[in-house]
Amino acid sequence: MRRLWMVLLCAALVVPSWATSPDLEKRMLGIASELRCLVCQNESIAASRADLAVDLRQQIREQIEAGQSDAEIRAYMVERYGDFVLYRPPFKATTFLLWLGPGLFFLLGLLVLIVSLIRRKARAMNPVLSDEERARADALLKQITSNGNQP
């Protein structure tokens, strides 16, 4: 009998708290899927099993039940945890590199590639020899032509 009570107690602790209606739960998951788990960082709050994510989902449920809008709930999370909690942070002075960085790096890489290809082509078409190398090449050509040897 004691084991049965232990099993029931453990089951009660493990069962997640669910919203009072399926619509409320769907709305909570929609909001939570747009927020980053602060522990996992590569998962949304909706997908994470971290204790903090469970607590944050419960906070979202409570705010939904209190009548908060989705925007108000997101604003509360940003106020509490910063823009990092958002998967799509707003475009502003502190996040402009986050938004423009990949494009800038792509353009910089493309520019480096174009410049290096142009330089490579110029070197191949106009080989630059020093005076010493040019004199040596001329001497070799004269030697070959005077001996009648072919390279």
N, C-alpha and C. Protein backbone atom coordinates (compact mmCIF):
# COMPACT_ATOMS: atom_id res chain seq x y z
N MET A 1 0.82 -1.19 0.00
CA MET A 1 0.00 0.00 0.00
C MET A 1 0.87 1.26 0.00
N ARG A 2 1.97 1.19 0.74
CA ARG A 2 2.86 2.34 0.81
C ARG A 2 3.48 2.63 -0.57
N ARG A 3 3.80 1.58 -1.30
CA ARG A 3 4.36 1.75 -2.65
C ARG A 3 3.35 2.42 -3.58
N LEU A 4 2.11 2.07 -3.46
CA LEU A 4 1.08 2.67 -4.30
C LEU A 4 1.03 4.18 -4.07
N TRP A 5 1.07 4.60 -2.80
CA TRP A 5 1.06 6.03 -2.50
C TRP A 5 2.29 6.72 -3.06
N MET A 6 3.44 6.06 -2.99
CA MET A 6 4.68 6.65 -3.54
C MET A 6 4.56 6.81 -5.06
N VAL A 7 4.01 5.79 -5.71
CA VAL A 7 3.85 5.86 -7.17
C VAL A 7 2.89 6.98 -7.54
N LEU A 8 1.79 7.10 -6.82
CA LEU A 8 0.83 8.16 -7.10
C LEU A 8 1.42 9.54 -6.83
N LEU A 9 2.22 9.67 -5.78
CA LEU A 9 2.86 10.94 -5.49
C LEU A 9 3.85 11.32 -6.59
N CYS A 10 4.64 10.35 -7.03
CA CYS A 10 5.60 10.60 -8.12
C CYS A 10 4.87 10.97 -9.41
N ALA A 11 3.79 10.27 -9.70
CA ALA A 11 3.02 10.56 -10.91
C ALA A 11 2.44 11.97 -10.85
N ALA A 12 1.99 12.39 -9.69
CA ALA A 12 1.44 13.74 -9.55
C ALA A 12 2.52 14.79 -9.75
N LEU A 13 3.74 14.49 -9.33
CA LEU A 13 4.83 15.44 -9.50
C LEU A 13 5.30 15.51 -10.94
N VAL A 14 5.22 14.40 -11.67
CA VAL A 14 5.74 14.32 -13.03
C VAL A 14 4.76 14.89 -14.04
N VAL A 15 3.47 14.74 -13.80
CA VAL A 15 2.46 15.19 -14.76
C VAL A 15 2.54 16.71 -14.89
N PRO A 16 2.71 17.20 -16.10
CA PRO A 16 2.81 18.66 -16.28
C PRO A 16 1.48 19.33 -16.01
N SER A 17 1.56 20.57 -15.61
CA SER A 17 0.32 21.31 -15.41
C SER A 17 -0.19 21.77 -16.76
N TRP A 18 -1.43 21.49 -17.06
CA TRP A 18 -2.02 21.83 -18.35
C TRP A 18 -3.00 22.97 -18.16
N ALA A 19 -3.19 23.69 -19.19
CA ALA A 19 -4.15 24.79 -19.16
C ALA A 19 -5.55 24.21 -19.04
N THR A 20 -6.46 25.07 -18.68
CA THR A 20 -7.83 24.60 -18.44
C THR A 20 -8.56 24.23 -19.72
N SER A 21 -8.11 24.72 -20.87
CA SER A 21 -8.77 24.37 -22.13
C SER A 21 -7.74 24.11 -23.22
N PRO A 22 -8.11 23.31 -24.22
CA PRO A 22 -7.18 23.03 -25.31
C PRO A 22 -6.80 24.29 -26.10
N ASP A 23 -7.74 25.23 -26.23
CA ASP A 23 -7.44 26.48 -26.94
C ASP A 23 -6.39 27.30 -26.20
N LEU A 24 -6.52 27.33 -24.89
CA LEU A 24 -5.55 28.03 -24.07
C LEU A 24 -4.17 27.39 -24.20
N GLU A 25 -4.13 26.06 -24.19
CA GLU A 25 -2.86 25.34 -24.31
C GLU A 25 -2.24 25.57 -25.69
N LYS A 26 -3.07 25.61 -26.73
CA LYS A 26 -2.58 25.87 -28.08
C LYS A 26 -2.00 27.27 -28.17
N ARG A 27 -2.67 28.24 -27.56
CA ARG A 27 -2.17 29.62 -27.56
C ARG A 27 -0.86 29.71 -26.79
N MET A 28 -0.78 29.02 -25.65
CA MET A 28 0.45 29.03 -24.85
C MET A 28 1.61 28.44 -25.66
N LEU A 29 1.37 27.34 -26.35
CA LEU A 29 2.43 26.71 -27.15
C LEU A 29 2.84 27.61 -28.32
N GLY A 30 1.88 28.35 -28.87
CA GLY A 30 2.20 29.28 -29.95
C GLY A 30 3.14 30.38 -29.47
N ILE A 31 2.87 30.92 -28.30
CA ILE A 31 3.73 31.96 -27.73
C ILE A 31 5.07 31.36 -27.34
N ALA A 32 5.04 30.22 -26.69
CA ALA A 32 6.27 29.58 -26.19
C ALA A 32 7.18 29.13 -27.33
N SER A 33 6.61 28.84 -28.50
CA SER A 33 7.45 28.40 -29.62
C SER A 33 8.25 29.57 -30.22
N GLU A 34 7.85 30.80 -29.91
CA GLU A 34 8.56 31.98 -30.41
C GLU A 34 9.62 32.48 -29.42
N LEU A 35 9.69 31.84 -28.24
CA LEU A 35 10.62 32.28 -27.21
C LEU A 35 11.72 31.24 -27.01
N ARG A 36 12.94 31.71 -26.84
CA ARG A 36 14.11 30.84 -26.69
C ARG A 36 14.24 30.40 -25.24
N CYS A 37 14.57 29.13 -25.06
CA CYS A 37 14.86 28.61 -23.73
C CYS A 37 16.19 29.19 -23.28
N LEU A 38 16.23 29.76 -22.12
CA LEU A 38 17.44 30.40 -21.62
C LEU A 38 18.47 29.38 -21.15
N VAL A 39 18.05 28.15 -20.91
CA VAL A 39 18.97 27.10 -20.48
C VAL A 39 19.53 26.38 -21.70
N CYS A 40 18.65 25.94 -22.59
CA CYS A 40 19.07 25.16 -23.77
C CYS A 40 19.62 26.05 -24.87
N GLN A 41 19.06 27.20 -25.07
CA GLN A 41 19.45 28.22 -26.03
C GLN A 41 19.25 27.83 -27.49
N ASN A 42 19.14 26.57 -27.81
CA ASN A 42 18.89 26.19 -29.20
C ASN A 42 17.50 25.58 -29.34
N GLU A 43 16.71 25.66 -28.29
CA GLU A 43 15.34 25.14 -28.32
C GLU A 43 14.38 26.23 -27.88
N SER A 44 13.17 26.07 -28.31
CA SER A 44 12.15 27.01 -27.84
C SER A 44 11.68 26.58 -26.46
N ILE A 45 10.99 27.48 -25.79
CA ILE A 45 10.43 27.15 -24.48
C ILE A 45 9.42 26.02 -24.63
N ALA A 46 8.72 25.99 -25.76
CA ALA A 46 7.71 24.96 -25.99
C ALA A 46 8.34 23.56 -26.10
N ALA A 47 9.54 23.48 -26.68
CA ALA A 47 10.17 22.17 -26.92
C ALA A 47 11.10 21.74 -25.79
N SER A 48 11.54 22.67 -24.98
CA SER A 48 12.54 22.37 -23.95
C SER A 48 11.92 21.63 -22.77
N ARG A 49 12.73 20.77 -22.18
CA ARG A 49 12.30 20.05 -20.98
C ARG A 49 13.00 20.58 -19.73
N ALA A 50 13.74 21.67 -19.86
CA ALA A 50 14.44 22.25 -18.72
C ALA A 50 13.43 22.77 -17.71
N ASP A 51 13.82 22.76 -16.44
CA ASP A 51 12.92 23.22 -15.39
C ASP A 51 12.50 24.68 -15.60
N LEU A 52 13.43 25.50 -16.04
CA LEU A 52 13.10 26.91 -16.29
C LEU A 52 12.04 27.03 -17.38
N ALA A 53 12.17 26.22 -18.42
CA ALA A 53 11.18 26.28 -19.51
C ALA A 53 9.81 25.85 -19.02
N VAL A 54 9.78 24.85 -18.17
CA VAL A 54 8.49 24.42 -17.59
C VAL A 54 7.88 25.56 -16.79
N ASP A 55 8.70 26.25 -16.00
CA ASP A 55 8.21 27.38 -15.21
C ASP A 55 7.73 28.52 -16.11
N LEU A 56 8.46 28.78 -17.18
CA LEU A 56 8.06 29.86 -18.09
C LEU A 56 6.77 29.52 -18.82
N ARG A 57 6.60 28.26 -19.20
CA ARG A 57 5.32 27.87 -19.82
C ARG A 57 4.18 28.08 -18.83
N GLN A 58 4.41 27.76 -17.56
CA GLN A 58 3.37 27.96 -16.55
C GLN A 58 3.08 29.45 -16.37
N GLN A 59 4.10 30.28 -16.41
CA GLN A 59 3.88 31.73 -16.33
C GLN A 59 3.05 32.22 -17.51
N ILE A 60 3.35 31.69 -18.69
CA ILE A 60 2.58 32.08 -19.88
C ILE A 60 1.13 31.67 -19.71
N ARG A 61 0.90 30.46 -19.21
CA ARG A 61 -0.48 30.00 -18.97
C ARG A 61 -1.20 30.96 -18.01
N GLU A 62 -0.53 31.30 -16.92
CA GLU A 62 -1.14 32.18 -15.93
C GLU A 62 -1.46 33.55 -16.52
N GLN A 63 -0.57 34.07 -17.34
CA GLN A 63 -0.82 35.38 -17.96
C GLN A 63 -1.96 35.30 -18.97
N ILE A 64 -2.05 34.18 -19.69
CA ILE A 64 -3.17 34.01 -20.64
C ILE A 64 -4.48 33.98 -19.86
N GLU A 65 -4.49 33.23 -18.76
CA GLU A 65 -5.71 33.14 -17.94
C GLU A 65 -6.06 34.48 -17.31
N ALA A 66 -5.05 35.33 -17.09
CA ALA A 66 -5.29 36.66 -16.52
C ALA A 66 -5.77 37.66 -17.58
N GLY A 67 -5.83 37.22 -18.86
CA GLY A 67 -6.36 38.07 -19.91
C GLY A 67 -5.32 38.88 -20.67
N GLN A 68 -4.04 38.57 -20.50
CA GLN A 68 -2.98 39.28 -21.22
C GLN A 68 -3.01 38.89 -22.70
N SER A 69 -2.67 39.83 -23.56
CA SER A 69 -2.57 39.53 -24.99
C SER A 69 -1.21 38.89 -25.28
N ASP A 70 -1.06 38.31 -26.46
CA ASP A 70 0.20 37.68 -26.84
C ASP A 70 1.34 38.70 -26.83
N ALA A 71 1.08 39.89 -27.33
CA ALA A 71 2.10 40.94 -27.37
C ALA A 71 2.51 41.36 -25.96
N GLU A 72 1.55 41.44 -25.07
CA GLU A 72 1.86 41.80 -23.68
C GLU A 72 2.70 40.73 -23.00
N ILE A 73 2.41 39.47 -23.30
CA ILE A 73 3.18 38.37 -22.71
C ILE A 73 4.61 38.40 -23.23
N ARG A 74 4.77 38.60 -24.55
CA ARG A 74 6.12 38.69 -25.13
C ARG A 74 6.87 39.88 -24.54
N ALA A 75 6.18 41.03 -24.40
CA ALA A 75 6.81 42.22 -23.83
C ALA A 75 7.27 41.95 -22.39
N TYR A 76 6.47 41.22 -21.63
CA TYR A 76 6.84 40.87 -20.26
C TYR A 76 8.11 40.01 -20.25
N MET A 77 8.17 39.04 -21.15
CA MET A 77 9.34 38.15 -21.21
C MET A 77 10.59 38.93 -21.64
N VAL A 78 10.43 39.85 -22.59
CA VAL A 78 11.57 40.66 -23.04
C VAL A 78 12.02 41.59 -21.92
N GLU A 79 11.07 42.17 -21.20
CA GLU A 79 11.42 43.05 -20.10
C GLU A 79 12.19 42.30 -19.02
N ARG A 80 11.80 41.07 -18.80
CA ARG A 80 12.42 40.27 -17.73
C ARG A 80 13.75 39.65 -18.16
N TYR A 81 13.84 39.15 -19.43
CA TYR A 81 15.01 38.39 -19.86
C TYR A 81 15.79 39.04 -21.00
N GLY A 82 15.32 40.13 -21.54
CA GLY A 82 16.02 40.82 -22.62
C GLY A 82 15.62 40.27 -23.99
N ASP A 83 16.17 40.90 -25.04
CA ASP A 83 15.85 40.51 -26.41
C ASP A 83 16.33 39.10 -26.74
N PHE A 84 17.27 38.58 -25.96
CA PHE A 84 17.82 37.26 -26.22
C PHE A 84 16.73 36.18 -26.19
N VAL A 85 15.69 36.40 -25.42
CA VAL A 85 14.63 35.40 -25.29
C VAL A 85 13.82 35.26 -26.58
N LEU A 86 13.86 36.26 -27.44
CA LEU A 86 13.11 36.22 -28.70
C LEU A 86 13.91 35.53 -29.79
N TYR A 87 13.28 34.66 -30.55
CA TYR A 87 13.95 34.08 -31.71
C TYR A 87 14.11 35.11 -32.82
N ARG A 88 13.19 36.06 -32.91
CA ARG A 88 13.27 37.14 -33.89
C ARG A 88 13.31 38.48 -33.15
N PRO A 89 14.50 38.87 -32.67
CA PRO A 89 14.58 40.13 -31.94
C PRO A 89 14.30 41.31 -32.86
N PRO A 90 13.84 42.43 -32.31
CA PRO A 90 13.52 43.59 -33.13
C PRO A 90 14.79 44.20 -33.72
N PHE A 91 14.63 44.88 -34.85
CA PHE A 91 15.76 45.57 -35.49
C PHE A 91 15.95 46.90 -34.78
N LYS A 92 17.09 47.02 -34.09
CA LYS A 92 17.43 48.27 -33.42
C LYS A 92 18.94 48.36 -33.31
N ALA A 93 19.44 49.41 -32.69
CA ALA A 93 20.89 49.68 -32.66
C ALA A 93 21.68 48.52 -32.06
N THR A 94 21.13 47.86 -31.05
CA THR A 94 21.88 46.78 -30.40
C THR A 94 21.81 45.46 -31.15
N THR A 95 20.89 45.35 -32.10
CA THR A 95 20.75 44.08 -32.82
C THR A 95 20.98 44.20 -34.33
N PHE A 96 21.47 45.36 -34.79
CA PHE A 96 21.61 45.53 -36.23
C PHE A 96 22.64 44.56 -36.82
N LEU A 97 23.70 44.25 -36.09
CA LEU A 97 24.68 43.29 -36.60
C LEU A 97 24.09 41.89 -36.70
N LEU A 98 23.21 41.58 -35.78
CA LEU A 98 22.54 40.28 -35.84
C LEU A 98 21.73 40.14 -37.13
N TRP A 99 21.06 41.21 -37.52
CA TRP A 99 20.24 41.18 -38.74
C TRP A 99 21.07 41.37 -40.01
N LEU A 100 22.02 42.30 -39.98
CA LEU A 100 22.76 42.63 -41.19
C LEU A 100 24.09 41.89 -41.31
N GLY A 101 24.58 41.32 -40.23
CA GLY A 101 25.88 40.65 -40.22
C GLY A 101 26.04 39.57 -41.27
N PRO A 102 25.13 38.62 -41.38
CA PRO A 102 25.30 37.57 -42.38
C PRO A 102 25.40 38.13 -43.81
N GLY A 103 24.57 39.10 -44.14
CA GLY A 103 24.63 39.71 -45.48
C GLY A 103 25.94 40.46 -45.70
N LEU A 104 26.40 41.17 -44.66
CA LEU A 104 27.66 41.89 -44.78
C LEU A 104 28.84 40.93 -44.95
N PHE A 105 28.83 39.84 -44.20
CA PHE A 105 29.90 38.85 -44.35
C PHE A 105 29.87 38.19 -45.72
N PHE A 106 28.67 37.96 -46.25
CA PHE A 106 28.55 37.39 -47.59
C PHE A 106 29.12 38.36 -48.62
N LEU A 107 28.75 39.63 -48.54
CA LEU A 107 29.26 40.63 -49.48
C LEU A 107 30.77 40.81 -49.35
N LEU A 108 31.28 40.79 -48.14
CA LEU A 108 32.72 40.90 -47.93
C LEU A 108 33.45 39.71 -48.54
N GLY A 109 32.93 38.52 -48.33
CA GLY A 109 33.52 37.32 -48.92
C GLY A 109 33.48 37.35 -50.43
N LEU A 110 32.37 37.82 -50.98
CA LEU A 110 32.24 37.94 -52.43
C LEU A 110 33.24 38.95 -52.98
N LEU A 111 33.41 40.07 -52.29
CA LEU A 111 34.37 41.08 -52.71
C LEU A 111 35.80 40.53 -52.69
N VAL A 112 36.15 39.81 -51.63
CA VAL A 112 37.49 39.21 -51.53
C VAL A 112 37.70 38.21 -52.67
N LEU A 113 36.69 37.40 -52.96
CA LEU A 113 36.79 36.42 -54.04
C LEU A 113 37.00 37.11 -55.39
N ILE A 114 36.22 38.14 -55.67
CA ILE A 114 36.33 38.85 -56.96
C ILE A 114 37.70 39.50 -57.10
N VAL A 115 38.16 40.17 -56.05
CA VAL A 115 39.48 40.83 -56.11
C VAL A 115 40.58 39.80 -56.32
N SER A 116 40.53 38.68 -55.62
CA SER A 116 41.58 37.67 -55.77
C SER A 116 41.54 37.03 -57.16
N LEU A 117 40.35 36.83 -57.72
CA LEU A 117 40.27 36.28 -59.08
C LEU A 117 40.80 37.26 -60.12
N ILE A 118 40.51 38.53 -59.95
CA ILE A 118 41.02 39.55 -60.87
C ILE A 118 42.54 39.62 -60.80
N ARG A 119 43.08 39.59 -59.59
CA ARG A 119 44.54 39.63 -59.44
C ARG A 119 45.19 38.38 -60.02
N ARG A 120 44.58 37.23 -59.81
CA ARG A 120 45.13 35.98 -60.34
C ARG A 120 45.16 36.03 -61.87
N LYS A 121 44.07 36.53 -62.46
CA LYS A 121 43.99 36.61 -63.92
C LYS A 121 45.04 37.59 -64.46
N ALA A 122 45.21 38.71 -63.78
CA ALA A 122 46.21 39.70 -64.21
C ALA A 122 47.62 39.12 -64.13
N ARG A 123 47.92 38.37 -63.09
CA ARG A 123 49.24 37.77 -62.97
C ARG A 123 49.48 36.71 -64.04
N ALA A 124 48.44 35.99 -64.39
CA ALA A 124 48.59 34.94 -65.40
C ALA A 124 48.79 35.54 -66.79
N MET A 125 48.15 36.65 -67.07
CA MET A 125 48.28 37.27 -68.39
C MET A 125 49.56 38.09 -68.52
N ASN A 126 50.01 38.71 -67.49
CA ASN A 126 51.21 39.53 -67.51
C ASN A 126 52.18 39.05 -66.43
N PRO A 127 52.91 37.97 -66.73
CA PRO A 127 53.83 37.50 -65.69
C PRO A 127 54.92 38.55 -65.47
N VAL A 128 55.16 38.85 -64.24
CA VAL A 128 56.15 39.86 -63.89
C VAL A 128 57.45 39.14 -63.54
N LEU A 129 58.50 39.47 -64.30
CA LEU A 129 59.82 38.90 -64.05
C LEU A 129 60.75 40.01 -63.60
N SER A 130 61.62 39.66 -62.68
CA SER A 130 62.63 40.65 -62.29
C SER A 130 63.67 40.74 -63.41
N ASP A 131 64.50 41.76 -63.34
CA ASP A 131 65.53 41.94 -64.37
C ASP A 131 66.46 40.73 -64.42
N GLU A 132 66.78 40.18 -63.28
CA GLU A 132 67.66 39.01 -63.21
C GLU A 132 67.00 37.80 -63.86
N GLU A 133 65.71 37.58 -63.58
CA GLU A 133 65.00 36.45 -64.17
C GLU A 133 64.87 36.63 -65.70
N ARG A 134 64.60 37.84 -66.12
CA ARG A 134 64.46 38.11 -67.56
C ARG A 134 65.80 37.84 -68.28
N ALA A 135 66.91 38.28 -67.69
CA ALA A 135 68.22 38.05 -68.30
C ALA A 135 68.53 36.55 -68.35
N ARG A 136 68.21 35.85 -67.31
CA ARG A 136 68.44 34.39 -67.29
C ARG A 136 67.60 33.69 -68.34
N ALA A 137 66.32 34.10 -68.48
CA ALA A 137 65.45 33.50 -69.49
C ALA A 137 65.97 33.80 -70.89
N ASP A 138 66.41 35.03 -71.13
CA ASP A 138 66.98 35.38 -72.45
C ASP A 138 68.22 34.54 -72.74
N ALA A 139 69.08 34.34 -71.74
CA ALA A 139 70.29 33.54 -71.92
C ALA A 139 69.94 32.10 -72.27
N LEU A 140 68.93 31.56 -71.58
CA LEU A 140 68.50 30.18 -71.88
C LEU A 140 67.94 30.07 -73.30
N LEU A 141 67.16 31.04 -73.71
CA LEU A 141 66.59 31.02 -75.06
C LEU A 141 67.69 31.12 -76.12
N LYS A 142 68.68 31.98 -75.89
CA LYS A 142 69.81 32.11 -76.83
C LYS A 142 70.60 30.81 -76.91
N GLN A 143 70.79 30.17 -75.76
CA GLN A 143 71.54 28.93 -75.74
C GLN A 143 70.82 27.83 -76.51
N ILE A 144 69.51 27.77 -76.34
CA ILE A 144 68.71 26.74 -77.02
C ILE A 144 68.72 26.99 -78.52
N THR A 145 68.53 28.23 -78.94
CA THR A 145 68.49 28.53 -80.37
C THR A 145 69.86 28.40 -81.02
N SER A 146 70.93 28.68 -80.30
CA SER A 146 72.27 28.57 -80.89
C SER A 146 72.72 27.11 -81.02
N ASN A 147 72.26 26.25 -80.15
CA ASN A 147 72.62 24.83 -80.20
C ASN A 147 71.70 24.05 -81.13
N GLY A 148 70.58 24.63 -81.45
CA GLY A 148 69.63 23.94 -82.31
C GLY A 148 68.84 22.90 -81.53
N ASN A 149 68.95 22.92 -80.25
CA ASN A 149 68.21 21.98 -79.40
C ASN A 149 66.78 22.49 -79.22
N GLN A 150 65.93 21.54 -79.06
CA GLN A 150 64.54 21.90 -78.77
C GLN A 150 64.26 21.60 -77.31
N PRO A 151 63.47 22.37 -76.68
CA PRO A 151 63.17 22.15 -75.27
C PRO A 151 62.48 20.83 -74.99
